[in-house]
Structure formats: structure tokens, C-alpha cells
Amino acid sequence: MISTFSWAILVSACITIALTFNLNKGQTSHQTGYYLFKPMTSFLILTLAYLIMPEGTAKNWMLLALVFCLIGDIALMFEGDTPFIAGLLAFLIGHALFIAVFLEWQPVWTLPAWWPIMAIYALVMLVWLLPRTGKLAPAVFVYMAVIFTMAFAAANVSPTLGWQGKPLLMLGALLFVLSDSILAIDRFIKPLPLGHALTLATYYSALWCIVVGGAA
């Protein structure tokens, strides 16, 4: 089941990313396909979580987190500050719910070996990014604090998840940080030629890793 859905997710994600290249070239005829496949990919990941995760509170939080990610996905398909803020809020709630998921897996609160690197990275992003976000600075600051907390929580889940589960969760959380970093740089610092495609590729990979890691 994981394999079948994973292939479907991969195909849908690849189509979505391919469509972004056409939209970046101004080919608006592909917009309908983009509006279809972008949320469809997130919905497939949500369905995968529903099918493979064991019943319990963690699954309920996970499904709710993925629903908010889907809402954020849809909001970010539109231009302007209002959809961006709506998407930011949806993903903020999603990350808070992912933290709730990780808390269900009996965290062992110790600093991971890579925490100095993450701390320096977070500080650099804050200093570089916040002065360029204008009136959105408070919201962006809160968002960054939550997503880095989510990565820290993923690193501290109980080792009882096994050699596959915990590393996948950590990888998924770090990919989420990377995805949001690319999105922020592309929006606030400088448009990146492959910014949208890289954001989506790391985002979908992050969700898949978190779902499969949580089901391991």
C-alpha cells in the first residue's frame, strides 16, 4: 500500500513541479492543471497517512496537521499578501499539530548533536530575512520559531520508533525547514529561478517522510 500510494504521490508531485516551469514562462494555459495537481498531491499524502498510520491520538493530530497543510497549499496558489498570510497561518497551525504528534511519541528532551548548526542557521535566517518582511515581520518571526521547534521536537522523539521511523521524521522536519527557507528567500529576498519547484519538491518530500516515518 505504501509503495502504490508513494508512486502516485511521486507522479502527482512531478506533474505539479513540471507545471510550475510552464507557469513561470507565462503559459497560463497550464494553470488549471496546476490548480488540480498541487492540492491533489497533498491530498494523496493525507490519504496515505489515513491508511497506514496506527489508530490513536498521534494519527488524529497527524491527519489534522495534513488538512491544514492542504489548506495552506491552496492559499499559496494565489497571489497577494492576503492569500500568503492565510497560507502562513494554515502552515503555522499545521506545524503546531506536528509538534503535538511528536509529543505523543514520548520525546526524550536532549539537545541533538547538530543543534549548534541549526541554531546558527535560524539566527542567520532571522537577521537576513526579518528586515525585508515589512509588516509581516511579527508573523514571520512566530512562524520561524514554530517550525524550528517542530524540527527540534522531531529530533527528540522516542528511539522506540525504530531505525526507520525516527530518521525519517527528522529528515522530514529538516526538509520542511529547507522548503520554507526557499519560499521565504524567493518571496522576500530575491526571486529564485527554480524557487517554486524546489519549494514544492522539498515540501512534498517532507510530508512523505513524516507520514511514513510516523507509520514505521
N, C-alpha and C. Protein backbone atom coordinates (compact mmCIF):
# COMPACT_ATOMS: atom_id res chain seq x y z
N MET A 1 0.82 -1.21 0.00
CA MET A 1 0.00 0.00 0.00
C MET A 1 0.86 1.26 0.00
N ILE A 2 1.91 1.26 0.86
CA ILE A 2 2.80 2.42 0.90
C ILE A 2 3.43 2.65 -0.45
N SER A 3 3.88 1.54 -1.08
CA SER A 3 4.55 1.64 -2.38
C SER A 3 3.61 2.19 -3.44
N THR A 4 2.38 1.68 -3.49
CA THR A 4 1.41 2.13 -4.50
C THR A 4 1.11 3.61 -4.36
N PHE A 5 0.80 4.03 -3.14
CA PHE A 5 0.49 5.43 -2.92
C PHE A 5 1.71 6.31 -3.11
N SER A 6 2.88 5.80 -2.75
CA SER A 6 4.10 6.59 -2.92
C SER A 6 4.36 6.88 -4.39
N TRP A 7 4.12 5.90 -5.24
CA TRP A 7 4.29 6.13 -6.68
C TRP A 7 3.27 7.14 -7.18
N ALA A 8 2.03 7.05 -6.70
CA ALA A 8 1.00 8.01 -7.10
C ALA A 8 1.38 9.42 -6.65
N ILE A 9 1.90 9.52 -5.43
CA ILE A 9 2.34 10.82 -4.91
C ILE A 9 3.49 11.36 -5.74
N LEU A 10 4.44 10.49 -6.07
CA LEU A 10 5.59 10.91 -6.87
C LEU A 10 5.16 11.43 -8.24
N VAL A 11 4.27 10.71 -8.90
CA VAL A 11 3.79 11.13 -10.22
C VAL A 11 3.06 12.47 -10.13
N SER A 12 2.17 12.59 -9.16
CA SER A 12 1.41 13.83 -9.00
C SER A 12 2.33 14.99 -8.67
N ALA A 13 3.33 14.75 -7.81
CA ALA A 13 4.29 15.80 -7.45
C ALA A 13 5.11 16.23 -8.66
N CYS A 14 5.56 15.26 -9.45
CA CYS A 14 6.37 15.57 -10.63
C CYS A 14 5.56 16.39 -11.65
N ILE A 15 4.29 16.03 -11.82
CA ILE A 15 3.43 16.78 -12.74
C ILE A 15 3.25 18.21 -12.23
N THR A 16 3.03 18.36 -10.92
CA THR A 16 2.87 19.69 -10.33
C THR A 16 4.11 20.54 -10.55
N ILE A 17 5.28 19.95 -10.28
CA ILE A 17 6.54 20.68 -10.44
C ILE A 17 6.77 21.04 -11.90
N ALA A 18 6.46 20.11 -12.81
CA ALA A 18 6.61 20.41 -14.24
C ALA A 18 5.71 21.56 -14.66
N LEU A 19 4.51 21.59 -14.12
CA LEU A 19 3.57 22.66 -14.46
C LEU A 19 4.06 24.02 -13.95
N THR A 20 4.81 24.03 -12.85
CA THR A 20 5.32 25.30 -12.34
C THR A 20 6.31 25.92 -13.33
N PHE A 21 7.08 25.08 -14.02
CA PHE A 21 8.02 25.61 -15.01
C PHE A 21 7.27 26.33 -16.13
N ASN A 22 6.16 25.72 -16.57
CA ASN A 22 5.37 26.33 -17.63
C ASN A 22 4.71 27.63 -17.16
N LEU A 23 4.23 27.63 -15.91
CA LEU A 23 3.60 28.85 -15.39
C LEU A 23 4.62 29.97 -15.24
N ASN A 24 5.85 29.60 -14.87
CA ASN A 24 6.91 30.61 -14.74
C ASN A 24 7.26 31.23 -16.09
N LYS A 25 6.99 30.49 -17.16
CA LYS A 25 7.24 31.01 -18.51
C LYS A 25 6.04 31.78 -19.04
N GLY A 26 5.02 31.93 -18.20
CA GLY A 26 3.84 32.68 -18.62
C GLY A 26 2.81 31.88 -19.38
N GLN A 27 2.94 30.56 -19.37
CA GLN A 27 1.99 29.71 -20.09
C GLN A 27 0.78 29.44 -19.19
N THR A 28 -0.14 30.40 -19.17
CA THR A 28 -1.28 30.31 -18.25
C THR A 28 -2.26 29.19 -18.63
N SER A 29 -2.10 28.62 -19.80
CA SER A 29 -2.99 27.52 -20.20
C SER A 29 -2.81 26.30 -19.30
N HIS A 30 -1.66 26.26 -18.58
CA HIS A 30 -1.40 25.13 -17.69
C HIS A 30 -1.88 25.40 -16.26
N GLN A 31 -2.51 26.55 -16.05
CA GLN A 31 -2.91 26.94 -14.71
C GLN A 31 -3.95 26.00 -14.11
N THR A 32 -4.89 25.54 -14.94
CA THR A 32 -5.93 24.63 -14.45
C THR A 32 -5.32 23.33 -13.94
N GLY A 33 -4.38 22.79 -14.70
CA GLY A 33 -3.70 21.57 -14.28
C GLY A 33 -2.94 21.76 -12.98
N TYR A 34 -2.32 22.92 -12.85
CA TYR A 34 -1.58 23.23 -11.62
C TYR A 34 -2.53 23.31 -10.43
N TYR A 35 -3.66 23.98 -10.60
CA TYR A 35 -4.65 24.09 -9.54
C TYR A 35 -5.22 22.72 -9.15
N LEU A 36 -5.18 21.78 -10.07
CA LEU A 36 -5.68 20.44 -9.78
C LEU A 36 -4.63 19.57 -9.08
N PHE A 37 -3.43 19.52 -9.65
CA PHE A 37 -2.43 18.58 -9.16
C PHE A 37 -1.73 19.03 -7.88
N LYS A 38 -1.61 20.34 -7.66
CA LYS A 38 -0.92 20.79 -6.44
C LYS A 38 -1.66 20.34 -5.18
N PRO A 39 -2.96 20.64 -5.04
CA PRO A 39 -3.65 20.11 -3.85
C PRO A 39 -3.86 18.61 -3.89
N MET A 40 -3.94 18.03 -5.10
CA MET A 40 -4.13 16.58 -5.19
C MET A 40 -2.95 15.84 -4.57
N THR A 41 -1.74 16.35 -4.77
CA THR A 41 -0.56 15.69 -4.20
C THR A 41 -0.63 15.68 -2.68
N SER A 42 -1.00 16.82 -2.11
CA SER A 42 -1.13 16.88 -0.64
C SER A 42 -2.27 15.97 -0.17
N PHE A 43 -3.35 15.91 -0.94
CA PHE A 43 -4.47 15.05 -0.57
C PHE A 43 -4.07 13.58 -0.61
N LEU A 44 -3.25 13.19 -1.57
CA LEU A 44 -2.76 11.81 -1.64
C LEU A 44 -1.91 11.47 -0.42
N ILE A 45 -1.09 12.42 0.01
CA ILE A 45 -0.28 12.19 1.21
C ILE A 45 -1.18 12.07 2.44
N LEU A 46 -2.20 12.90 2.50
CA LEU A 46 -3.19 12.81 3.59
C LEU A 46 -3.87 11.44 3.59
N THR A 47 -4.23 10.96 2.42
CA THR A 47 -4.87 9.64 2.30
C THR A 47 -3.92 8.53 2.73
N LEU A 48 -2.66 8.65 2.34
CA LEU A 48 -1.66 7.67 2.74
C LEU A 48 -1.56 7.61 4.27
N ALA A 49 -1.54 8.77 4.90
CA ALA A 49 -1.47 8.81 6.37
C ALA A 49 -2.68 8.12 6.99
N TYR A 50 -3.85 8.37 6.43
CA TYR A 50 -5.08 7.76 6.94
C TYR A 50 -5.02 6.24 6.84
N LEU A 51 -4.42 5.74 5.78
CA LEU A 51 -4.41 4.30 5.53
C LEU A 51 -3.33 3.55 6.30
N ILE A 52 -2.17 4.17 6.52
CA ILE A 52 -1.04 3.40 7.06
C ILE A 52 -0.72 3.69 8.53
N MET A 53 -1.18 4.82 9.06
CA MET A 53 -0.82 5.12 10.44
C MET A 53 -1.69 4.35 11.42
N PRO A 54 -1.10 3.85 12.49
CA PRO A 54 -1.89 3.14 13.50
C PRO A 54 -2.87 4.08 14.19
N GLU A 55 -4.01 3.53 14.58
CA GLU A 55 -5.04 4.34 15.23
C GLU A 55 -4.51 4.91 16.54
N GLY A 56 -5.00 6.09 16.88
CA GLY A 56 -4.59 6.72 18.13
C GLY A 56 -4.55 8.23 18.01
N THR A 57 -4.19 8.87 19.09
CA THR A 57 -4.16 10.32 19.13
C THR A 57 -3.16 10.89 18.13
N ALA A 58 -2.00 10.25 18.02
CA ALA A 58 -0.97 10.74 17.09
C ALA A 58 -1.50 10.78 15.66
N LYS A 59 -2.24 9.74 15.27
CA LYS A 59 -2.82 9.72 13.93
C LYS A 59 -3.81 10.86 13.74
N ASN A 60 -4.63 11.10 14.74
CA ASN A 60 -5.62 12.17 14.64
C ASN A 60 -4.95 13.53 14.47
N TRP A 61 -3.90 13.79 15.28
CA TRP A 61 -3.16 15.04 15.14
C TRP A 61 -2.49 15.13 13.77
N MET A 62 -1.94 14.02 13.31
CA MET A 62 -1.26 13.98 12.01
C MET A 62 -2.23 14.34 10.88
N LEU A 63 -3.41 13.71 10.89
CA LEU A 63 -4.39 13.97 9.83
C LEU A 63 -4.82 15.43 9.85
N LEU A 64 -5.01 15.96 11.05
CA LEU A 64 -5.42 17.37 11.16
C LEU A 64 -4.31 18.29 10.67
N ALA A 65 -3.06 17.95 11.00
CA ALA A 65 -1.92 18.75 10.52
C ALA A 65 -1.87 18.74 8.99
N LEU A 66 -2.10 17.60 8.38
CA LEU A 66 -2.06 17.49 6.93
C LEU A 66 -3.23 18.22 6.27
N VAL A 67 -4.36 18.27 6.96
CA VAL A 67 -5.50 19.06 6.44
C VAL A 67 -5.13 20.53 6.38
N PHE A 68 -4.48 21.03 7.43
CA PHE A 68 -4.06 22.44 7.43
C PHE A 68 -2.97 22.70 6.40
N CYS A 69 -2.10 21.71 6.16
CA CYS A 69 -1.11 21.85 5.09
C CYS A 69 -1.80 21.95 3.73
N LEU A 70 -2.84 21.16 3.55
CA LEU A 70 -3.61 21.21 2.31
C LEU A 70 -4.26 22.58 2.14
N ILE A 71 -4.81 23.12 3.22
CA ILE A 71 -5.40 24.46 3.16
C ILE A 71 -4.33 25.49 2.81
N GLY A 72 -3.17 25.37 3.43
CA GLY A 72 -2.07 26.28 3.11
C GLY A 72 -1.62 26.16 1.67
N ASP A 73 -1.58 24.93 1.18
CA ASP A 73 -1.26 24.68 -0.22
C ASP A 73 -2.17 25.46 -1.16
N ILE A 74 -3.45 25.37 -0.89
CA ILE A 74 -4.44 26.04 -1.74
C ILE A 74 -4.29 27.56 -1.64
N ALA A 75 -4.09 28.07 -0.43
CA ALA A 75 -3.96 29.52 -0.25
C ALA A 75 -2.76 30.07 -1.01
N LEU A 76 -1.65 29.34 -0.99
CA LEU A 76 -0.43 29.84 -1.61
C LEU A 76 -0.44 29.74 -3.14
N MET A 77 -1.50 29.19 -3.69
CA MET A 77 -1.62 29.16 -5.15
C MET A 77 -2.01 30.53 -5.70
N PHE A 78 -2.44 31.42 -4.82
CA PHE A 78 -2.93 32.73 -5.27
C PHE A 78 -1.93 33.82 -4.90
N GLU A 79 -1.93 34.89 -5.66
CA GLU A 79 -1.01 36.00 -5.46
C GLU A 79 -1.55 36.97 -4.42
N GLY A 80 -0.63 37.73 -3.81
CA GLY A 80 -1.04 38.78 -2.90
C GLY A 80 -0.73 38.47 -1.45
N ASP A 81 -0.77 39.50 -0.62
CA ASP A 81 -0.45 39.34 0.81
C ASP A 81 -1.51 38.56 1.56
N THR A 82 -2.79 38.76 1.21
CA THR A 82 -3.86 38.09 1.96
C THR A 82 -3.79 36.57 1.83
N PRO A 83 -3.68 36.01 0.60
CA PRO A 83 -3.52 34.56 0.49
C PRO A 83 -2.24 34.07 1.16
N PHE A 84 -1.17 34.88 1.07
CA PHE A 84 0.10 34.47 1.69
C PHE A 84 -0.05 34.37 3.20
N ILE A 85 -0.71 35.37 3.81
CA ILE A 85 -0.92 35.35 5.26
C ILE A 85 -1.81 34.17 5.65
N ALA A 86 -2.85 33.92 4.84
CA ALA A 86 -3.74 32.78 5.11
C ALA A 86 -2.95 31.47 5.04
N GLY A 87 -2.09 31.35 4.03
CA GLY A 87 -1.27 30.15 3.91
C GLY A 87 -0.30 30.02 5.06
N LEU A 88 0.30 31.15 5.46
CA LEU A 88 1.24 31.16 6.58
C LEU A 88 0.55 30.69 7.86
N LEU A 89 -0.67 31.19 8.09
CA LEU A 89 -1.42 30.80 9.29
C LEU A 89 -1.78 29.32 9.27
N ALA A 90 -2.19 28.82 8.09
CA ALA A 90 -2.55 27.40 7.97
C ALA A 90 -1.35 26.51 8.25
N PHE A 91 -0.20 26.86 7.68
CA PHE A 91 1.00 26.05 7.91
C PHE A 91 1.51 26.19 9.34
N LEU A 92 1.32 27.37 9.94
CA LEU A 92 1.69 27.57 11.33
C LEU A 92 0.92 26.60 12.22
N ILE A 93 -0.39 26.51 11.99
CA ILE A 93 -1.22 25.57 12.75
C ILE A 93 -0.79 24.14 12.46
N GLY A 94 -0.48 23.87 11.19
CA GLY A 94 -0.02 22.54 10.81
C GLY A 94 1.24 22.14 11.55
N HIS A 95 2.21 23.05 11.63
CA HIS A 95 3.46 22.75 12.34
C HIS A 95 3.21 22.55 13.84
N ALA A 96 2.31 23.35 14.42
CA ALA A 96 1.97 23.17 15.83
C ALA A 96 1.36 21.78 16.06
N LEU A 97 0.56 21.33 15.11
CA LEU A 97 -0.04 20.00 15.23
C LEU A 97 1.00 18.90 15.03
N PHE A 98 1.99 19.12 14.16
CA PHE A 98 3.08 18.15 14.03
C PHE A 98 3.84 18.05 15.35
N ILE A 99 4.04 19.17 16.03
CA ILE A 99 4.67 19.14 17.35
C ILE A 99 3.85 18.28 18.30
N ALA A 100 2.52 18.43 18.24
CA ALA A 100 1.64 17.61 19.08
C ALA A 100 1.81 16.13 18.76
N VAL A 101 1.97 15.82 17.48
CA VAL A 101 2.21 14.42 17.07
C VAL A 101 3.49 13.90 17.72
N PHE A 102 4.57 14.67 17.61
CA PHE A 102 5.86 14.22 18.13
C PHE A 102 5.82 14.09 19.66
N LEU A 103 5.04 14.95 20.31
CA LEU A 103 4.91 14.84 21.76
C LEU A 103 4.22 13.55 22.18
N GLU A 104 3.37 13.03 21.29
CA GLU A 104 2.69 11.76 21.58
C GLU A 104 3.68 10.59 21.58
N TRP A 105 4.82 10.76 20.93
CA TRP A 105 5.79 9.68 20.82
C TRP A 105 6.90 9.81 21.86
N GLN A 106 6.51 10.17 23.07
CA GLN A 106 7.37 10.14 24.25
C GLN A 106 8.76 10.73 23.96
N PRO A 107 8.82 12.03 23.79
CA PRO A 107 10.11 12.64 23.48
C PRO A 107 11.12 12.51 24.62
N VAL A 108 12.37 12.36 24.23
CA VAL A 108 13.48 12.35 25.18
C VAL A 108 14.19 13.67 24.97
N TRP A 109 13.97 14.63 25.86
CA TRP A 109 14.41 16.00 25.60
C TRP A 109 15.91 16.17 25.86
N THR A 110 16.66 15.94 24.82
CA THR A 110 18.10 16.19 24.85
C THR A 110 18.45 16.99 23.59
N LEU A 111 19.51 17.76 23.68
CA LEU A 111 19.92 18.54 22.51
C LEU A 111 20.60 17.62 21.50
N PRO A 112 20.09 17.58 20.26
CA PRO A 112 20.75 16.76 19.25
C PRO A 112 22.13 17.31 18.92
N ALA A 113 22.99 16.45 18.40
CA ALA A 113 24.38 16.86 18.14
C ALA A 113 24.46 18.02 17.15
N TRP A 114 23.46 18.12 16.28
CA TRP A 114 23.52 19.15 15.24
C TRP A 114 22.86 20.45 15.66
N TRP A 115 22.47 20.58 16.93
CA TRP A 115 21.71 21.77 17.33
C TRP A 115 22.48 23.07 17.13
N PRO A 116 23.84 23.13 17.31
CA PRO A 116 24.52 24.41 17.05
C PRO A 116 24.39 24.86 15.60
N ILE A 117 24.43 23.89 14.68
CA ILE A 117 24.28 24.23 13.26
C ILE A 117 22.89 24.80 13.01
N MET A 118 21.87 24.15 13.58
CA MET A 118 20.50 24.62 13.41
C MET A 118 20.30 25.99 14.06
N ALA A 119 20.91 26.20 15.21
CA ALA A 119 20.78 27.48 15.90
C ALA A 119 21.42 28.60 15.08
N ILE A 120 22.59 28.34 14.53
CA ILE A 120 23.26 29.34 13.69
C ILE A 120 22.45 29.61 12.44
N TYR A 121 21.92 28.55 11.84
CA TYR A 121 21.09 28.70 10.64
C TYR A 121 19.85 29.55 10.92
N ALA A 122 19.20 29.27 12.05
CA ALA A 122 17.99 30.03 12.42
C ALA A 122 18.34 31.50 12.65
N LEU A 123 19.46 31.76 13.31
CA LEU A 123 19.87 33.14 13.58
C LEU A 123 20.19 33.89 12.28
N VAL A 124 20.90 33.21 11.38
CA VAL A 124 21.22 33.83 10.09
C VAL A 124 19.96 34.17 9.31
N MET A 125 19.02 33.23 9.28
CA MET A 125 17.76 33.46 8.56
C MET A 125 16.98 34.63 9.16
N LEU A 126 16.97 34.71 10.49
CA LEU A 126 16.26 35.80 11.15
C LEU A 126 16.88 37.16 10.80
N VAL A 127 18.20 37.25 10.93
CA VAL A 127 18.89 38.51 10.66
C VAL A 127 18.76 38.91 9.20
N TRP A 128 18.82 37.92 8.32
CA TRP A 128 18.79 38.18 6.88
C TRP A 128 17.37 38.48 6.40
N LEU A 129 16.41 37.76 6.95
CA LEU A 129 15.06 37.79 6.41
C LEU A 129 14.16 38.87 7.02
N LEU A 130 14.13 38.95 8.35
CA LEU A 130 13.14 39.80 9.02
C LEU A 130 13.14 41.27 8.56
N PRO A 131 14.32 41.89 8.38
CA PRO A 131 14.29 43.30 7.94
C PRO A 131 13.62 43.50 6.59
N ARG A 132 13.44 42.44 5.83
CA ARG A 132 12.87 42.55 4.48
C ARG A 132 11.41 42.14 4.42
N THR A 133 10.84 41.76 5.55
CA THR A 133 9.46 41.27 5.55
C THR A 133 8.42 42.36 5.87
N GLY A 134 8.89 43.55 6.25
CA GLY A 134 7.97 44.66 6.47
C GLY A 134 6.97 44.37 7.57
N LYS A 135 5.70 44.65 7.27
CA LYS A 135 4.64 44.47 8.27
C LYS A 135 4.39 43.01 8.62
N LEU A 136 4.93 42.11 7.80
CA LEU A 136 4.75 40.69 8.08
C LEU A 136 5.80 40.15 9.05
N ALA A 137 6.74 41.00 9.49
CA ALA A 137 7.85 40.55 10.33
C ALA A 137 7.40 39.79 11.58
N PRO A 138 6.41 40.29 12.36
CA PRO A 138 6.00 39.53 13.56
C PRO A 138 5.47 38.13 13.22
N ALA A 139 4.66 38.05 12.15
CA ALA A 139 4.10 36.75 11.75
C ALA A 139 5.20 35.81 11.29
N VAL A 140 6.15 36.33 10.52
CA VAL A 140 7.25 35.50 10.03
C VAL A 140 8.12 35.03 11.19
N PHE A 141 8.35 35.90 12.16
CA PHE A 141 9.16 35.52 13.33
C PHE A 141 8.50 34.37 14.09
N VAL A 142 7.21 34.50 14.35
CA VAL A 142 6.48 33.44 15.07
C VAL A 142 6.52 32.14 14.27
N TYR A 143 6.32 32.25 12.96
CA TYR A 143 6.33 31.07 12.10
C TYR A 143 7.68 30.36 12.17
N MET A 144 8.76 31.14 12.07
CA MET A 144 10.09 30.54 12.11
C MET A 144 10.36 29.87 13.46
N ALA A 145 9.90 30.51 14.54
CA ALA A 145 10.09 29.92 15.87
C ALA A 145 9.38 28.57 15.97
N VAL A 146 8.18 28.51 15.42
CA VAL A 146 7.39 27.27 15.49
C VAL A 146 8.01 26.17 14.64
N ILE A 147 8.47 26.50 13.43
CA ILE A 147 9.00 25.45 12.57
C ILE A 147 10.33 24.91 13.09
N PHE A 148 11.14 25.78 13.69
CA PHE A 148 12.39 25.28 14.27
C PHE A 148 12.10 24.45 15.52
N THR A 149 11.07 24.80 16.27
CA THR A 149 10.64 23.98 17.41
C THR A 149 10.16 22.63 16.92
N MET A 150 9.46 22.61 15.79
CA MET A 150 8.99 21.36 15.21
C MET A 150 10.17 20.45 14.85
N ALA A 151 11.22 21.03 14.26
CA ALA A 151 12.40 20.24 13.91
C ALA A 151 13.07 19.69 15.16
N PHE A 152 13.14 20.51 16.21
CA PHE A 152 13.73 20.07 17.47
C PHE A 152 12.92 18.94 18.09
N ALA A 153 11.58 19.07 18.05
CA ALA A 153 10.71 18.03 18.60
C ALA A 153 10.87 16.72 17.83
N ALA A 154 11.01 16.81 16.51
CA ALA A 154 11.20 15.60 15.69
C ALA A 154 12.49 14.89 16.05
N ALA A 155 13.51 15.67 16.39
CA ALA A 155 14.80 15.08 16.75
C ALA A 155 14.76 14.39 18.10
N ASN A 156 13.72 14.68 18.89
CA ASN A 156 13.67 14.16 20.25
C ASN A 156 12.59 13.09 20.47
N VAL A 157 11.97 12.60 19.39
CA VAL A 157 11.00 11.53 19.58
C VAL A 157 11.70 10.29 20.11
N SER A 158 10.93 9.45 20.75
CA SER A 158 11.49 8.27 21.39
C SER A 158 12.16 7.35 20.36
N PRO A 159 13.34 6.80 20.69
CA PRO A 159 14.00 5.85 19.79
C PRO A 159 13.19 4.59 19.53
N THR A 160 12.12 4.37 20.29
CA THR A 160 11.30 3.18 20.10
C THR A 160 10.59 3.18 18.75
N LEU A 161 10.60 4.32 18.04
CA LEU A 161 10.03 4.33 16.69
C LEU A 161 10.86 3.50 15.72
N GLY A 162 12.07 3.16 16.13
CA GLY A 162 12.87 2.27 15.30
C GLY A 162 13.84 3.02 14.39
N TRP A 163 14.71 2.23 13.75
CA TRP A 163 15.78 2.82 12.96
C TRP A 163 15.26 3.49 11.69
N GLN A 164 14.06 3.10 11.23
CA GLN A 164 13.48 3.75 10.06
C GLN A 164 12.65 4.97 10.44
N GLY A 165 11.84 4.83 11.50
CA GLY A 165 10.88 5.88 11.85
C GLY A 165 11.50 7.19 12.24
N LYS A 166 12.38 7.18 13.24
CA LYS A 166 12.94 8.43 13.75
C LYS A 166 13.77 9.17 12.71
N PRO A 167 14.68 8.51 11.98
CA PRO A 167 15.43 9.25 10.96
C PRO A 167 14.54 9.87 9.88
N LEU A 168 13.47 9.18 9.50
CA LEU A 168 12.57 9.74 8.50
C LEU A 168 11.85 10.97 9.04
N LEU A 169 11.44 10.91 10.31
CA LEU A 169 10.80 12.07 10.92
C LEU A 169 11.75 13.26 10.96
N MET A 170 12.99 13.01 11.34
CA MET A 170 13.98 14.08 11.40
C MET A 170 14.24 14.65 10.02
N LEU A 171 14.38 13.76 9.03
CA LEU A 171 14.61 14.21 7.66
C LEU A 171 13.43 15.04 7.17
N GLY A 172 12.22 14.57 7.46
CA GLY A 172 11.03 15.30 7.04
C GLY A 172 10.97 16.69 7.65
N ALA A 173 11.28 16.80 8.94
CA ALA A 173 11.26 18.10 9.61
C ALA A 173 12.30 19.04 9.02
N LEU A 174 13.50 18.53 8.77
CA LEU A 174 14.56 19.36 8.20
C LEU A 174 14.24 19.78 6.77
N LEU A 175 13.61 18.89 6.01
CA LEU A 175 13.18 19.25 4.66
C LEU A 175 12.11 20.34 4.69
N PHE A 176 11.26 20.29 5.72
CA PHE A 176 10.25 21.34 5.88
C PHE A 176 10.91 22.69 6.14
N VAL A 177 11.94 22.69 6.99
CA VAL A 177 12.70 23.92 7.26
C VAL A 177 13.32 24.43 5.97
N LEU A 178 13.90 23.52 5.20
CA LEU A 178 14.53 23.90 3.93
C LEU A 178 13.50 24.45 2.95
N SER A 179 12.35 23.78 2.85
CA SER A 179 11.30 24.21 1.94
C SER A 179 10.82 25.62 2.26
N ASP A 180 10.57 25.87 3.55
CA ASP A 180 10.09 27.19 3.96
C ASP A 180 11.18 28.25 3.80
N SER A 181 12.43 27.84 3.96
CA SER A 181 13.53 28.78 3.76
C SER A 181 13.61 29.22 2.30
N ILE A 182 13.47 28.26 1.39
CA ILE A 182 13.50 28.58 -0.04
C ILE A 182 12.34 29.50 -0.40
N LEU A 183 11.15 29.17 0.14
CA LEU A 183 9.97 30.00 -0.11
C LEU A 183 10.18 31.43 0.38
N ALA A 184 10.75 31.57 1.58
CA ALA A 184 10.97 32.89 2.16
C ALA A 184 12.00 33.69 1.35
N ILE A 185 13.08 33.04 0.96
CA ILE A 185 14.11 33.72 0.16
C ILE A 185 13.53 34.15 -1.18
N ASP A 186 12.77 33.26 -1.79
CA ASP A 186 12.17 33.55 -3.09
C ASP A 186 11.19 34.72 -3.01
N ARG A 187 10.48 34.83 -1.91
CA ARG A 187 9.47 35.88 -1.78
C ARG A 187 10.05 37.20 -1.28
N PHE A 188 10.92 37.13 -0.28
CA PHE A 188 11.34 38.35 0.40
C PHE A 188 12.74 38.84 0.02
N ILE A 189 13.61 37.94 -0.40
CA ILE A 189 14.99 38.33 -0.69
C ILE A 189 15.21 38.56 -2.19
N LYS A 190 15.05 37.50 -2.96
CA LYS A 190 15.30 37.58 -4.40
C LYS A 190 14.60 36.40 -5.07
N PRO A 191 13.83 36.65 -6.14
CA PRO A 191 13.20 35.54 -6.86
C PRO A 191 14.24 34.54 -7.37
N LEU A 192 14.03 33.29 -7.08
CA LEU A 192 14.96 32.24 -7.50
C LEU A 192 14.44 31.57 -8.77
N PRO A 193 15.32 31.30 -9.74
CA PRO A 193 14.87 30.69 -11.00
C PRO A 193 14.10 29.39 -10.79
N LEU A 194 14.53 28.58 -9.82
CA LEU A 194 13.88 27.30 -9.56
C LEU A 194 13.21 27.31 -8.18
N GLY A 195 12.93 28.51 -7.66
CA GLY A 195 12.42 28.62 -6.30
C GLY A 195 11.14 27.84 -6.05
N HIS A 196 10.17 28.02 -6.94
CA HIS A 196 8.88 27.36 -6.74
C HIS A 196 9.01 25.85 -6.83
N ALA A 197 9.76 25.38 -7.81
CA ALA A 197 9.95 23.94 -8.00
C ALA A 197 10.68 23.32 -6.80
N LEU A 198 11.72 23.99 -6.32
CA LEU A 198 12.48 23.47 -5.17
C LEU A 198 11.63 23.48 -3.90
N THR A 199 10.82 24.52 -3.75
CA THR A 199 9.93 24.59 -2.59
C THR A 199 8.98 23.40 -2.57
N LEU A 200 8.38 23.12 -3.72
CA LEU A 200 7.42 22.01 -3.80
C LEU A 200 8.11 20.66 -3.62
N ALA A 201 9.27 20.49 -4.25
CA ALA A 201 9.97 19.21 -4.17
C ALA A 201 10.34 18.88 -2.72
N THR A 202 10.89 19.87 -2.00
CA THR A 202 11.28 19.62 -0.61
C THR A 202 10.05 19.50 0.29
N TYR A 203 9.00 20.24 -0.03
CA TYR A 203 7.76 20.20 0.77
C TYR A 203 7.09 18.83 0.69
N TYR A 204 6.89 18.33 -0.53
CA TYR A 204 6.25 17.03 -0.68
C TYR A 204 7.11 15.92 -0.08
N SER A 205 8.42 16.03 -0.24
CA SER A 205 9.33 15.04 0.36
C SER A 205 9.22 15.07 1.88
N ALA A 206 9.10 16.29 2.45
CA ALA A 206 8.98 16.42 3.89
C ALA A 206 7.72 15.73 4.41
N LEU A 207 6.60 15.99 3.74
CA LEU A 207 5.35 15.37 4.18
C LEU A 207 5.41 13.86 4.09
N TRP A 208 5.96 13.35 3.00
CA TRP A 208 6.05 11.90 2.81
C TRP A 208 6.92 11.28 3.92
N CYS A 209 8.06 11.90 4.21
CA CYS A 209 8.95 11.36 5.24
C CYS A 209 8.28 11.35 6.61
N ILE A 210 7.56 12.42 6.94
CA ILE A 210 6.90 12.50 8.24
C ILE A 210 5.81 11.44 8.36
N VAL A 211 5.03 11.25 7.29
CA VAL A 211 3.94 10.27 7.33
C VAL A 211 4.49 8.85 7.41
N VAL A 212 5.42 8.51 6.54
CA VAL A 212 5.98 7.14 6.52
C VAL A 212 6.79 6.88 7.77
N GLY A 213 7.54 7.90 8.23
CA GLY A 213 8.30 7.75 9.47
C GLY A 213 7.38 7.52 10.66
N GLY A 214 6.25 8.21 10.67
CA GLY A 214 5.30 8.06 11.77
C GLY A 214 4.60 6.71 11.76
N ALA A 215 4.54 6.08 10.59
CA ALA A 215 3.86 4.78 10.47
C ALA A 215 4.83 3.61 10.65
N ALA A 216 6.14 3.91 10.74
CA ALA A 216 7.13 2.83 10.80
C ALA A 216 7.03 2.05 12.11
